[in-house]
Amino acid sequence: MSFFGGLKQKQTVVRQSKPKTAGTQQYALKKYADATLGSGNLRQAVKLPEGEDLSEWLAVNTLDFFNQINMLYGTITEFCSAQECPVMSAGPRYEYHWQDGKTFKKPVKLSAPDYVDQLMNWVQEQLDDEEIFPSKIGVPFPKNFRDTVKNIVRRLFRVYAHLYNHHFAQLCALSIEAHINTSYKHFLLFVNEFDLIDAKELAPLAELNEPTLKEAAQ
């Protein structure tokens, strides 16, 4: 998507996802996704293209959401510090602790910037792993791929929730509110279309979710 072409990036280190190679199915799907998003019809843009593989579609969009969220968060990193956001949360009722089963084997309370950094690195390691996200023609996706995607998008949602609950005024001051609104609407419609996140996990943004999904259903 091209939402961020005019934004000034404040993040010191910008994560770069692996590009899709021209001629591959994932490259073709990315082009299709960009074209349908450009039409402005997000409800249609999230649907699986006729005759296409679901895993390929999930992979292309998961990568796209990762890039979008990384860019959005990167615009407010100077405001999201360990002092200003000592815990990763989405308002007073929702607090997130980090666990990855490797370095952090038990849930650990981290500041929001540390949590997001761990999260983004954790996601990128999976995106770059050819055994999890194969990019070569003819290489099958693992059998548990949908579960992997569910786990990734469930955690990526938390960054949207933190941005809306703690940094929306700053996003508005930077004139980025339209970008996050469109990005999140796309994300929400996608995870709803393929039942990727439980409703209870989406509760921190319920006031946004309900009218968005209601409008999409009409």
Protein backbone atom coordinates (compact mmCIF):
# COMPACT_ATOMS: atom_id res chain seq x y z
CA MET A 1 0.00 0.00 0.00
CA SER A 2 1.14 3.56 -0.59
CA PHE A 3 -0.27 5.28 2.53
CA PHE A 4 3.13 6.20 3.88
CA GLY A 5 4.93 7.65 0.89
CA GLY A 6 4.72 11.19 2.23
CA LEU A 7 5.46 10.45 5.88
CA LYS A 8 8.70 11.40 7.55
CA GLN A 9 10.11 8.26 9.16
CA LYS A 10 11.41 8.89 12.68
CA GLN A 11 12.59 5.36 13.45
CA THR A 12 16.35 4.96 13.51
CA VAL A 13 16.35 1.40 12.23
CA VAL A 14 13.76 0.54 9.60
CA ARG A 15 13.00 -3.15 9.25
CA GLN A 16 12.90 -4.27 5.66
CA SER A 17 10.76 -7.26 4.77
CA LYS A 18 11.86 -9.55 1.99
CA PRO A 19 10.51 -8.32 -1.37
CA LYS A 20 8.32 -10.52 -3.51
CA THR A 21 10.09 -11.71 -6.64
CA ALA A 22 8.54 -10.74 -9.95
CA GLY A 23 6.99 -13.74 -11.65
CA THR A 24 5.98 -15.54 -8.46
CA GLN A 25 2.41 -16.07 -7.34
CA GLN A 26 2.93 -13.99 -4.20
CA TYR A 27 4.18 -11.10 -6.34
CA ALA A 28 1.08 -11.36 -8.52
CA LEU A 29 -1.19 -11.45 -5.46
CA LYS A 30 0.55 -8.40 -4.00
CA LYS A 31 -0.12 -6.53 -7.23
CA TYR A 32 -3.76 -7.65 -7.12
CA ALA A 33 -4.09 -6.56 -3.50
CA ASP A 34 -2.63 -3.14 -4.25
CA ALA A 35 -5.01 -2.71 -7.17
CA THR A 36 -8.12 -3.63 -5.19
CA LEU A 37 -7.06 -1.44 -2.28
CA GLY A 38 -6.59 1.41 -4.70
CA SER A 39 -10.24 1.09 -5.70
CA GLY A 40 -11.24 2.11 -2.19
CA ASN A 41 -13.42 -0.96 -1.65
CA LEU A 42 -11.80 -2.54 1.41
CA ARG A 43 -14.53 -5.13 1.83
CA GLN A 44 -13.78 -6.51 -1.62
CA ALA A 45 -10.03 -6.07 -1.19
CA VAL A 46 -9.81 -8.59 1.68
CA LYS A 47 -11.62 -11.41 -0.10
CA LEU A 48 -9.64 -14.37 -1.43
CA PRO A 49 -9.26 -13.92 -5.20
CA GLU A 50 -11.11 -16.61 -7.12
CA GLY A 51 -9.01 -19.70 -7.71
CA GLU A 52 -6.12 -18.57 -5.50
CA ASP A 53 -4.49 -20.44 -2.62
CA LEU A 54 -5.55 -19.29 0.85
CA SER A 55 -2.09 -19.69 2.36
CA GLU A 56 -0.56 -17.51 -0.36
CA TRP A 57 -3.19 -14.83 0.31
CA LEU A 58 -2.64 -14.98 4.06
CA ALA A 59 1.13 -14.71 3.56
CA VAL A 60 0.96 -11.68 1.26
CA ASN A 61 -1.39 -9.79 3.55
CA THR A 62 0.43 -10.69 6.78
CA LEU A 63 3.61 -9.24 5.29
CA ASP A 64 1.72 -6.13 4.18
CA PHE A 65 0.20 -5.55 7.64
CA PHE A 66 3.60 -5.99 9.25
CA ASN A 67 5.02 -3.29 7.00
CA GLN A 68 2.10 -0.94 7.62
CA ILE A 69 2.20 -1.30 11.40
CA ASN A 70 5.97 -0.95 11.47
CA MET A 71 5.73 2.30 9.52
CA LEU A 72 2.88 3.69 11.63
CA TYR A 73 4.61 2.94 14.90
CA GLY A 74 7.84 4.37 13.51
CA THR A 75 6.22 7.79 13.17
CA ILE A 76 5.63 8.15 16.94
CA THR A 77 8.66 6.42 18.49
CA GLU A 78 9.90 9.70 19.98
CA PHE A 79 6.67 9.83 22.02
CA CYS A 80 6.54 6.14 22.95
CA SER A 81 9.39 5.88 25.45
CA ALA A 82 9.96 3.70 28.50
CA GLN A 83 9.20 6.79 30.61
CA GLU A 84 5.96 7.70 28.83
CA CYS A 85 4.79 4.10 28.23
CA PRO A 86 6.38 1.94 30.98
CA VAL A 87 4.10 -0.98 30.15
CA MET A 88 2.63 -2.27 26.89
CA SER A 89 -1.07 -1.59 27.22
CA ALA A 90 -4.23 -0.61 25.40
CA GLY A 91 -5.89 1.64 27.93
CA PRO A 92 -6.22 0.95 31.67
CA ARG A 93 -7.99 -2.40 31.26
CA TYR A 94 -5.61 -4.20 28.90
CA GLU A 95 -1.95 -4.92 29.63
CA TYR A 96 0.27 -7.15 27.50
CA HIS A 97 3.30 -9.13 28.70
CA TRP A 98 5.86 -10.55 26.28
CA GLN A 99 6.60 -14.26 25.84
CA ASP A 100 8.28 -15.90 22.86
CA GLY A 101 9.16 -19.33 24.24
CA LYS A 102 12.88 -18.74 23.64
CA THR A 103 14.48 -15.69 25.22
CA PHE A 104 11.34 -14.98 27.23
CA LYS A 105 9.96 -18.35 28.30
CA LYS A 106 7.53 -16.83 30.77
CA PRO A 107 5.40 -13.69 30.32
CA VAL A 108 7.45 -10.60 31.17
CA LYS A 109 6.27 -7.04 31.67
CA LEU A 110 8.09 -4.73 29.24
CA SER A 111 7.79 -1.09 28.35
CA ALA A 112 5.77 -0.45 25.19
CA PRO A 113 8.82 0.34 23.01
CA ASP A 114 10.65 -2.76 24.23
CA TYR A 115 7.55 -4.90 23.69
CA VAL A 116 7.03 -3.60 20.17
CA ASP A 117 10.71 -4.12 19.36
CA GLN A 118 10.55 -7.73 20.54
CA LEU A 119 7.32 -8.25 18.64
CA MET A 120 8.56 -6.83 15.36
CA ASN A 121 11.79 -8.82 15.51
CA TRP A 122 9.82 -11.98 16.36
CA VAL A 123 7.51 -11.45 13.38
CA GLN A 124 10.33 -10.63 10.99
CA GLU A 125 12.24 -13.79 11.95
CA GLN A 126 9.20 -15.81 10.87
CA LEU A 127 8.61 -13.80 7.69
CA ASP A 128 12.23 -14.37 6.69
CA ASP A 129 12.14 -18.10 7.47
CA GLU A 130 11.62 -19.96 4.18
CA GLU A 131 10.29 -22.99 6.06
CA ILE A 132 7.45 -20.88 7.50
CA PHE A 133 6.88 -18.31 4.74
CA PRO A 134 8.19 -19.96 1.55
CA SER A 135 8.68 -17.57 -1.35
CA LYS A 136 9.92 -19.99 -4.00
CA ILE A 137 7.55 -21.41 -6.59
CA GLY A 138 6.35 -24.92 -5.77
CA VAL A 139 7.44 -24.90 -2.12
CA PRO A 140 4.39 -25.74 0.04
CA PHE A 141 3.38 -23.86 3.15
CA PRO A 142 3.57 -25.77 6.45
CA LYS A 143 0.38 -27.50 7.61
CA ASN A 144 0.08 -25.24 10.65
CA PHE A 145 0.54 -22.06 8.60
CA ARG A 146 -2.90 -20.60 9.39
CA ASP A 147 -2.22 -21.01 13.13
CA THR A 148 1.10 -19.19 12.66
CA VAL A 149 -0.66 -16.33 10.90
CA LYS A 150 -3.30 -16.18 13.63
CA ASN A 151 -0.61 -15.84 16.28
CA ILE A 152 1.18 -13.11 14.33
CA VAL A 153 -1.87 -10.95 13.59
CA ARG A 154 -3.19 -11.39 17.13
CA ARG A 155 -0.02 -9.75 18.40
CA LEU A 156 0.19 -7.15 15.65
CA PHE A 157 -3.29 -6.02 16.68
CA ARG A 158 -1.85 -4.99 20.03
CA VAL A 159 0.28 -2.33 18.34
CA TYR A 160 -2.83 -0.83 16.70
CA ALA A 161 -4.56 -0.94 20.10
CA HIS A 162 -1.64 0.80 21.81
CA LEU A 163 -1.43 3.47 19.10
CA TYR A 164 -5.15 4.26 19.29
CA ASN A 165 -5.30 4.30 23.09
CA HIS A 166 -2.06 6.11 23.88
CA HIS A 167 -0.82 7.98 20.81
CA PHE A 168 -3.82 8.93 18.70
CA ALA A 169 -3.54 12.62 19.59
CA GLN A 170 0.08 12.58 18.40
CA LEU A 171 -0.89 10.78 15.19
CA CYS A 172 -3.51 13.48 14.61
CA ALA A 173 -0.93 16.20 15.27
CA LEU A 174 1.24 14.58 12.60
CA SER A 175 -1.79 14.40 10.24
CA ILE A 176 -1.56 10.59 10.12
CA GLU A 177 -4.97 9.73 11.53
CA ALA A 178 -6.43 8.98 8.09
CA HIS A 179 -3.60 6.54 7.42
CA ILE A 180 -4.02 4.56 10.64
CA ASN A 181 -7.82 4.55 10.24
CA THR A 182 -7.61 3.11 6.73
CA SER A 183 -4.87 0.68 7.69
CA TYR A 184 -6.74 -0.58 10.74
CA LYS A 185 -10.04 -0.90 8.86
CA HIS A 186 -8.27 -3.02 6.24
CA PHE A 187 -6.67 -5.14 8.99
CA LEU A 188 -9.95 -5.61 10.87
CA LEU A 189 -11.92 -6.60 7.78
CA PHE A 190 -9.19 -9.07 6.80
CA VAL A 191 -8.95 -10.83 10.17
CA ASN A 192 -12.75 -10.91 10.35
CA GLU A 193 -13.04 -12.36 6.83
CA PHE A 194 -10.78 -15.30 7.72
CA ASP A 195 -11.62 -15.58 11.44
CA LEU A 196 -8.03 -14.97 12.53
CA ILE A 197 -8.51 -13.20 15.89
CA ASP A 198 -10.96 -14.08 18.68
CA ALA A 199 -13.45 -11.35 19.54
CA LYS A 200 -12.16 -11.08 23.11
CA GLU A 201 -8.69 -10.20 21.78
CA LEU A 202 -10.21 -7.36 19.74
CA ALA A 203 -12.08 -5.92 22.73
CA PRO A 204 -9.68 -2.98 23.35
CA LEU A 205 -10.91 -1.39 20.11
CA ALA A 206 -14.54 -2.55 20.31
CA GLU A 207 -15.87 0.98 19.81
CA LEU A 208 -14.08 1.12 16.47
CA ASN A 209 -14.72 -2.48 15.48
CA GLU A 210 -18.48 -2.63 15.82
CA PRO A 211 -19.40 0.23 13.45
CA THR A 212 -16.71 -0.81 10.97
CA LEU A 213 -17.95 -4.40 10.76
CA LYS A 214 -21.59 -3.26 10.69
CA GLU A 215 -20.89 -0.94 7.78
CA ALA A 216 -19.00 -3.66 5.92
CA ALA A 217 -21.90 -6.09 6.33
CA GLN A 218 -24.39 -3.75 4.66
